[in-house]
């Protein structure tokens, strides 16, 4: 889990790439509400989220796996 500050009015692209597991990206607001989820939007098994936050604030990005496997990612 990564906490980041994002600004309303901007569009952010977040990629999660691995050849060792099936990556999944999830974004939550500071209260834990899921706002976006992507499994294979980055091509092949990689994840890509294009996200425009509804408000300026702190968001949580979760880099997880579909199958529970572990490995390197970028």
PDB file of N, CA and C in Angstrom:
ATOM      1  N   UNK A   1       0.847  -1.167   0.000  1.00  0.00           N
ATOM      2  CA  UNK A   1       0.000   0.000   0.000  1.00  0.00           C
ATOM      3  C   UNK A   1       0.894   1.232   0.000  1.00  0.00           C
ATOM      4  N   UNK A   2       0.538   2.188  -0.847  1.00  0.00           N
ATOM      5  CA  UNK A   2       1.269   3.448  -0.960  1.00  0.00           C
ATOM      6  C   UNK A   2       0.276   4.584  -0.750  1.00  0.00           C
ATOM      7  N   UNK A   3       0.603   5.515   0.144  1.00  0.00           N
ATOM      8  CA  UNK A   3      -0.225   6.700   0.326  1.00  0.00           C
ATOM      9  C   UNK A   3       0.401   7.834  -0.458  1.00  0.00           C
ATOM     10  N   UNK A   4      -0.438   8.497  -1.259  1.00  0.00           N
ATOM     11  CA  UNK A   4       0.051   9.623  -2.060  1.00  0.00           C
ATOM     12  C   UNK A   4      -0.967  10.748  -2.013  1.00  0.00           C
ATOM     13  N   UNK A   5      -0.474  11.955  -2.210  1.00  0.00           N
ATOM     14  CA  UNK A   5      -1.344  13.123  -2.312  1.00  0.00           C
ATOM     15  C   UNK A   5      -1.602  13.399  -3.778  1.00  0.00           C
ATOM     16  N   UNK A   6      -2.872  13.520  -4.121  1.00  0.00           N
ATOM     17  CA  UNK A   6      -3.274  13.801  -5.498  1.00  0.00           C
ATOM     18  C   UNK A   6      -4.127  15.061  -5.514  1.00  0.00           C
ATOM     19  N   UNK A   7      -4.070  15.771  -6.635  1.00  0.00           N
ATOM     20  CA  UNK A   7      -4.821  17.018  -6.775  1.00  0.00           C
ATOM     21  C   UNK A   7      -6.003  16.840  -7.713  1.00  0.00           C
ATOM     22  N   UNK A   8      -7.128  17.374  -7.316  1.00  0.00           N
ATOM     23  CA  UNK A   8      -8.315  17.374  -8.167  1.00  0.00           C
ATOM     24  C   UNK A   8      -8.010  18.134  -9.450  1.00  0.00           C
ATOM     25  N   UNK A   9      -8.614  17.733 -10.545  1.00  0.00           N
ATOM     26  CA  UNK A   9      -8.409  18.405 -11.816  1.00  0.00           C
ATOM     27  C   UNK A   9      -7.253  17.848 -12.624  1.00  0.00           C
ATOM     28  N   UNK A  10      -6.453  16.986 -12.029  1.00  0.00           N
ATOM     29  CA  UNK A  10      -5.349  16.342 -12.741  1.00  0.00           C
ATOM     30  C   UNK A  10      -5.710  14.888 -13.010  1.00  0.00           C
ATOM     31  N   UNK A  11      -5.154  14.354 -14.075  1.00  0.00           N
ATOM     32  CA  UNK A  11      -5.346  12.952 -14.428  1.00  0.00           C
ATOM     33  C   UNK A  11      -4.016  12.236 -14.222  1.00  0.00           C
ATOM     34  N   UNK A  12      -4.067  11.113 -13.522  1.00  0.00           N
ATOM     35  CA  UNK A  12      -2.874  10.346 -13.183  1.00  0.00           C
ATOM     36  C   UNK A  12      -2.947   8.969 -13.838  1.00  0.00           C
ATOM     37  N   UNK A  13      -1.819   8.528 -14.382  1.00  0.00           N
ATOM     38  CA  UNK A  13      -1.716   7.176 -14.908  1.00  0.00           C
ATOM     39  C   UNK A  13      -0.779   6.384 -14.000  1.00  0.00           C
ATOM     40  N   UNK A  14      -1.257   5.254 -13.533  1.00  0.00           N
ATOM     41  CA  UNK A  14      -0.491   4.397 -12.634  1.00  0.00           C
ATOM     42  C   UNK A  14      -0.389   3.027 -13.282  1.00  0.00           C
ATOM     43  N   UNK A  15       0.836   2.549 -13.459  1.00  0.00           N
ATOM     44  CA  UNK A  15       1.076   1.241 -14.076  1.00  0.00           C
ATOM     45  C   UNK A  15       1.694   0.305 -13.054  1.00  0.00           C
ATOM     46  N   UNK A  16       1.284  -0.948 -13.096  1.00  0.00           N
ATOM     47  CA  UNK A  16       1.883  -2.000 -12.275  1.00  0.00           C
ATOM     48  C   UNK A  16       2.236  -3.139 -13.218  1.00  0.00           C
ATOM     49  N   UNK A  17       3.537  -3.388 -13.354  1.00  0.00           N
ATOM     50  CA  UNK A  17       4.050  -4.335 -14.349  1.00  0.00           C
ATOM     51  C   UNK A  17       4.870  -5.410 -13.646  1.00  0.00           C
ATOM     52  N   UNK A  18       4.607  -6.655 -13.996  1.00  0.00           N
ATOM     53  CA  UNK A  18       5.413  -7.759 -13.483  1.00  0.00           C
ATOM     54  C   UNK A  18       5.331  -8.932 -14.452  1.00  0.00           C
ATOM     55  N   UNK A  19       6.434  -9.641 -14.567  1.00  0.00           N
ATOM     56  CA  UNK A  19       6.409 -10.896 -15.324  1.00  0.00           C
ATOM     57  C   UNK A  19       6.465 -12.090 -14.379  1.00  0.00           C
ATOM     58  N   UNK A  20       6.291 -11.829 -13.058  1.00  0.00           N
ATOM     59  CA  UNK A  20       6.341 -12.889 -12.061  1.00  0.00           C
ATOM     60  C   UNK A  20       4.982 -13.187 -11.416  1.00  0.00           C
ATOM     61  N   UNK A  21       4.013 -12.293 -11.597  1.00  0.00           N
ATOM     62  CA  UNK A  21       2.670 -12.504 -11.048  1.00  0.00           C
ATOM     63  C   UNK A  21       1.674 -11.654 -11.827  1.00  0.00           C
ATOM     64  N   UNK A  22       0.386 -11.888 -11.594  1.00  0.00           N
ATOM     65  CA  UNK A  22      -0.686 -11.146 -12.256  1.00  0.00           C
ATOM     66  C   UNK A  22      -1.058  -9.950 -11.377  1.00  0.00           C
ATOM     67  N   UNK A  23      -0.534  -8.749 -11.695  1.00  0.00           N
ATOM     68  CA  UNK A  23      -0.744  -7.586 -10.836  1.00  0.00           C
ATOM     69  C   UNK A  23      -2.149  -6.980 -10.959  1.00  0.00           C
ATOM     70  N   UNK A  24      -2.595  -6.414  -9.838  1.00  0.00           N
ATOM     71  CA  UNK A  24      -3.874  -5.715  -9.768  1.00  0.00           C
ATOM     72  C   UNK A  24      -3.646  -4.414  -9.001  1.00  0.00           C
ATOM     73  N   UNK A  25      -4.207  -3.320  -9.507  1.00  0.00           N
ATOM     74  CA  UNK A  25      -4.136  -2.012  -8.841  1.00  0.00           C
ATOM     75  C   UNK A  25      -5.503  -1.634  -8.289  1.00  0.00           C
ATOM     76  N   UNK A  26      -5.488  -1.035  -7.097  1.00  0.00           N
ATOM     77  CA  UNK A  26      -6.720  -0.554  -6.482  1.00  0.00           C
ATOM     78  C   UNK A  26      -6.429   0.788  -5.829  1.00  0.00           C
ATOM     79  N   UNK A  27      -7.355   1.730  -5.961  1.00  0.00           N
ATOM     80  CA  UNK A  27      -7.223   3.045  -5.313  1.00  0.00           C
ATOM     81  C   UNK A  27      -8.391   3.235  -4.360  1.00  0.00           C
ATOM     82  N   UNK A  28      -8.053   3.693  -3.154  1.00  0.00           N
ATOM     83  CA  UNK A  28      -9.060   4.022  -2.150  1.00  0.00           C
ATOM     84  C   UNK A  28      -8.864   5.468  -1.693  1.00  0.00           C
ATOM     85  N   UNK A  29      -9.958   6.078  -1.230  1.00  0.00           N
ATOM     86  CA  UNK A  29      -9.825   7.399  -0.621  1.00  0.00           C
ATOM     87  C   UNK A  29      -9.344   7.233   0.817  1.00  0.00           C
ATOM     88  N   UNK A  30      -9.202   8.326   1.544  1.00  0.00           N
ATOM     89  CA  UNK A  30      -8.648   8.283   2.898  1.00  0.00           C
ATOM     90  C   UNK A  30      -9.578   7.584   3.889  1.00  0.00           C
ATOM     91  N   UNK A  31     -10.832   7.374   3.508  1.00  0.00           N
ATOM     92  CA  UNK A  31     -11.791   6.680   4.373  1.00  0.00           C
ATOM     93  C   UNK A  31     -11.903   5.193   4.046  1.00  0.00           C
ATOM     94  N   UNK A  32     -11.138   4.733   3.039  1.00  0.00           N
ATOM     95  CA  UNK A  32     -11.146   3.324   2.681  1.00  0.00           C
ATOM     96  C   UNK A  32     -12.145   2.939   1.614  1.00  0.00           C
ATOM     97  N   UNK A  33     -12.790   3.919   0.986  1.00  0.00           N
ATOM     98  CA  UNK A  33     -13.748   3.623  -0.089  1.00  0.00           C
ATOM     99  C   UNK A  33     -12.985   3.361  -1.388  1.00  0.00           C
ATOM    100  N   UNK A  34     -13.243   2.211  -2.007  1.00  0.00           N
ATOM    101  CA  UNK A  34     -12.595   1.896  -3.284  1.00  0.00           C
ATOM    102  C   UNK A  34     -13.142   2.800  -4.381  1.00  0.00           C
ATOM    103  N   UNK A  35     -12.220   3.438  -5.116  1.00  0.00           N
ATOM    104  CA  UNK A  35     -12.608   4.361  -6.180  1.00  0.00           C
ATOM    105  C   UNK A  35     -12.281   3.829  -7.566  1.00  0.00           C
ATOM    106  N   UNK A  36     -11.299   2.948  -7.659  1.00  0.00           N
ATOM    107  CA  UNK A  36     -10.904   2.404  -8.963  1.00  0.00           C
ATOM    108  C   UNK A  36     -10.188   1.072  -8.751  1.00  0.00           C
ATOM    109  N   UNK A  37     -10.313   0.197  -9.767  1.00  0.00           N
ATOM    110  CA  UNK A  37      -9.679  -1.123  -9.732  1.00  0.00           C
ATOM    111  C   UNK A  37      -9.345  -1.510 -11.161  1.00  0.00           C
ATOM    112  N   UNK A  38      -8.163  -2.109 -11.371  1.00  0.00           N
ATOM    113  CA  UNK A  38      -7.813  -2.601 -12.699  1.00  0.00           C
ATOM    114  C   UNK A  38      -6.986  -3.869 -12.571  1.00  0.00           C
ATOM    115  N   UNK A  39      -7.304  -4.825 -13.449  1.00  0.00           N
ATOM    116  CA  UNK A  39      -6.558  -6.075 -13.492  1.00  0.00           C
ATOM    117  C   UNK A  39      -5.631  -6.108 -14.705  1.00  0.00           C
ATOM    118  N   UNK A  40      -6.145  -6.007 -15.907  1.00  0.00           N
ATOM    119  CA  UNK A  40      -5.337  -6.210 -17.115  1.00  0.00           C
ATOM    120  C   UNK A  40      -5.320  -5.018 -18.069  1.00  0.00           C
ATOM    121  N   UNK A  41      -5.601  -3.813 -17.591  1.00  0.00           N
ATOM    122  CA  UNK A  41      -5.682  -2.640 -18.456  1.00  0.00           C
ATOM    123  C   UNK A  41      -4.365  -2.178 -19.041  1.00  0.00           C
ATOM    124  N   UNK A  42      -3.248  -2.713 -18.543  1.00  0.00           N
ATOM    125  CA  UNK A  42      -1.928  -2.318 -19.026  1.00  0.00           C
ATOM    126  C   UNK A  42      -1.391  -3.232 -20.106  1.00  0.00           C
ATOM    127  N   UNK A  43      -2.222  -4.118 -20.623  1.00  0.00           N
ATOM    128  CA  UNK A  43      -1.776  -5.062 -21.641  1.00  0.00           C
ATOM    129  C   UNK A  43      -1.216  -6.315 -21.006  1.00  0.00           C
ATOM    130  N   UNK A  44      -1.404  -7.416 -21.681  1.00  0.00           N
ATOM    131  CA  UNK A  44      -1.017  -8.721 -21.144  1.00  0.00           C
ATOM    132  C   UNK A  44      -1.684  -8.872 -19.772  1.00  0.00           C
ATOM    133  N   UNK A  45      -0.937  -9.192 -18.755  1.00  0.00           N
ATOM    134  CA  UNK A  45      -1.508  -9.329 -17.409  1.00  0.00           C
ATOM    135  C   UNK A  45      -1.235  -8.102 -16.543  1.00  0.00           C
ATOM    136  N   UNK A  46      -0.654  -7.049 -17.102  1.00  0.00           N
ATOM    137  CA  UNK A  46      -0.281  -5.860 -16.336  1.00  0.00           C
ATOM    138  C   UNK A  46      -1.484  -4.955 -16.077  1.00  0.00           C
ATOM    139  N   UNK A  47      -1.359  -4.143 -15.041  1.00  0.00           N
ATOM    140  CA  UNK A  47      -2.446  -3.249 -14.643  1.00  0.00           C
ATOM    141  C   UNK A  47      -2.116  -1.804 -14.990  1.00  0.00           C
ATOM    142  N   UNK A  48      -3.149  -1.064 -15.371  1.00  0.00           N
ATOM    143  CA  UNK A  48      -3.014   0.376 -15.624  1.00  0.00           C
ATOM    144  C   UNK A  48      -4.297   1.055 -15.182  1.00  0.00           C
ATOM    145  N   UNK A  49      -4.137   2.054 -14.342  1.00  0.00           N
ATOM    146  CA  UNK A  49      -5.257   2.896 -13.945  1.00  0.00           C
ATOM    147  C   UNK A  49      -5.014   4.310 -14.439  1.00  0.00           C
ATOM    148  N   UNK A  50      -6.004   4.890 -15.068  1.00  0.00           N
ATOM    149  CA  UNK A  50      -6.000   6.315 -15.370  1.00  0.00           C
ATOM    150  C   UNK A  50      -7.067   6.894 -14.452  1.00  0.00           C
ATOM    151  N   UNK A  51      -6.619   7.725 -13.528  1.00  0.00           N
ATOM    152  CA  UNK A  51      -7.476   8.149 -12.425  1.00  0.00           C
ATOM    153  C   UNK A  51      -7.470   9.656 -12.280  1.00  0.00           C
ATOM    154  N   UNK A  52      -8.665  10.222 -12.162  1.00  0.00           N
ATOM    155  CA  UNK A  52      -8.814  11.648 -11.886  1.00  0.00           C
ATOM    156  C   UNK A  52      -9.511  11.761 -10.526  1.00  0.00           C
ATOM    157  N   UNK A  53      -8.778  12.176  -9.495  1.00  0.00           N
ATOM    158  CA  UNK A  53      -9.366  12.211  -8.157  1.00  0.00           C
ATOM    159  C   UNK A  53     -10.513  13.213  -8.068  1.00  0.00           C
ATOM    160  N   UNK A  54     -11.552  12.848  -7.326  1.00  0.00           N
ATOM    161  CA  UNK A  54     -12.696  13.750  -7.177  1.00  0.00           C
ATOM    162  C   UNK A  54     -12.403  14.958  -6.299  1.00  0.00           C
ATOM    163  N   UNK A  55     -11.355  14.865  -5.473  1.00  0.00           N
ATOM    164  CA  UNK A  55     -10.985  15.972  -4.582  1.00  0.00           C
ATOM    165  C   UNK A  55      -9.486  15.877  -4.301  1.00  0.00           C
ATOM    166  N   UNK A  56      -8.875  16.993  -3.983  1.00  0.00           N
ATOM    167  CA  UNK A  56      -7.478  16.994  -3.567  1.00  0.00           C
ATOM    168  C   UNK A  56      -7.381  16.333  -2.200  1.00  0.00           C
ATOM    169  N   UNK A  57      -6.415  15.439  -2.056  1.00  0.00           N
ATOM    170  CA  UNK A  57      -6.261  14.774  -0.771  1.00  0.00           C
ATOM    171  C   UNK A  57      -5.340  13.576  -0.848  1.00  0.00           C
ATOM    172  N   UNK A  58      -5.346  12.797   0.222  1.00  0.00           N
ATOM    173  CA  UNK A  58      -4.521  11.604   0.327  1.00  0.00           C
ATOM    174  C   UNK A  58      -5.308  10.392  -0.165  1.00  0.00           C
ATOM    175  N   UNK A  59      -4.667   9.614  -1.004  1.00  0.00           N
ATOM    176  CA  UNK A  59      -5.265   8.394  -1.554  1.00  0.00           C
ATOM    177  C   UNK A  59      -4.320   7.232  -1.296  1.00  0.00           C
ATOM    178  N   UNK A  60      -4.888   6.040  -1.248  1.00  0.00           N
ATOM    179  CA  UNK A  60      -4.102   4.821  -1.042  1.00  0.00           C
ATOM    180  C   UNK A  60      -4.118   3.995  -2.317  1.00  0.00           C
ATOM    181  N   UNK A  61      -2.938   3.646  -2.776  1.00  0.00           N
ATOM    182  CA  UNK A  61      -2.807   2.771  -3.942  1.00  0.00           C
ATOM    183  C   UNK A  61      -2.324   1.416  -3.449  1.00  0.00           C
ATOM    184  N   UNK A  62      -3.065   0.390  -3.788  1.00  0.00           N
ATOM    185  CA  UNK A  62      -2.710  -0.970  -3.406  1.00  0.00           C
ATOM    186  C   UNK A  62      -2.191  -1.701  -4.634  1.00  0.00           C
ATOM    187  N   UNK A  63      -0.995  -2.243  -4.511  1.00  0.00           N
ATOM    188  CA  UNK A  63      -0.394  -3.089  -5.542  1.00  0.00           C
ATOM    189  C   UNK A  63      -0.523  -4.517  -5.031  1.00  0.00           C
ATOM    190  N   UNK A  64      -1.464  -5.258  -5.604  1.00  0.00           N
ATOM    191  CA  UNK A  64      -1.749  -6.614  -5.138  1.00  0.00           C
ATOM    192  C   UNK A  64      -1.682  -7.587  -6.313  1.00  0.00           C
ATOM    193  N   UNK A  65      -1.920  -8.851  -6.028  1.00  0.00           N
ATOM    194  CA  UNK A  65      -1.903  -9.861  -7.077  1.00  0.00           C
ATOM    195  C   UNK A  65      -3.259 -10.527  -7.177  1.00  0.00           C
ATOM    196  N   UNK A  66      -3.565 -10.985  -8.355  1.00  0.00           N
ATOM    197  CA  UNK A  66      -4.826 -11.688  -8.573  1.00  0.00           C
ATOM    198  C   UNK A  66      -4.777 -13.079  -7.960  1.00  0.00           C
ATOM    199  N   UNK A  67      -3.614 -13.704  -8.021  1.00  0.00           N
ATOM    200  CA  UNK A  67      -3.503 -15.104  -7.605  1.00  0.00           C
ATOM    201  C   UNK A  67      -2.752 -15.302  -6.293  1.00  0.00           C
ATOM    202  N   UNK A  68      -2.355 -14.225  -5.613  1.00  0.00           N
ATOM    203  CA  UNK A  68      -1.655 -14.346  -4.345  1.00  0.00           C
ATOM    204  C   UNK A  68      -0.164 -14.613  -4.460  1.00  0.00           C
ATOM    205  N   UNK A  69       0.368 -14.688  -5.681  1.00  0.00           N
ATOM    206  CA  UNK A  69       1.794 -14.942  -5.888  1.00  0.00           C
ATOM    207  C   UNK A  69       2.609 -13.718  -5.486  1.00  0.00           C
ATOM    208  N   UNK A  70       3.880 -13.947  -5.218  1.00  0.00           N
ATOM    209  CA  UNK A  70       4.807 -12.871  -4.883  1.00  0.00           C
ATOM    210  C   UNK A  70       5.856 -12.732  -5.967  1.00  0.00           C
ATOM    211  N   UNK A  71       6.449 -11.552  -6.085  1.00  0.00           N
ATOM    212  CA  UNK A  71       7.503 -11.339  -7.055  1.00  0.00           C
ATOM    213  C   UNK A  71       7.830  -9.878  -7.203  1.00  0.00           C
ATOM    214  N   UNK A  72       8.750  -9.599  -8.098  1.00  0.00           N
ATOM    215  CA  UNK A  72       9.168  -8.224  -8.353  1.00  0.00           C
ATOM    216  C   UNK A  72       8.158  -7.522  -9.256  1.00  0.00           C
ATOM    217  N   UNK A  73       8.098  -6.200  -9.095  1.00  0.00           N
ATOM    218  CA  UNK A  73       7.212  -5.392  -9.928  1.00  0.00           C
ATOM    219  C   UNK A  73       7.830  -4.033 -10.140  1.00  0.00           C
ATOM    220  N   UNK A  74       7.284  -3.323 -11.107  1.00  0.00           N
ATOM    221  CA  UNK A  74       7.758  -1.980 -11.399  1.00  0.00           C
ATOM    222  C   UNK A  74       6.621  -1.102 -11.801  1.00  0.00           C
TER     223      UNK A  74
END
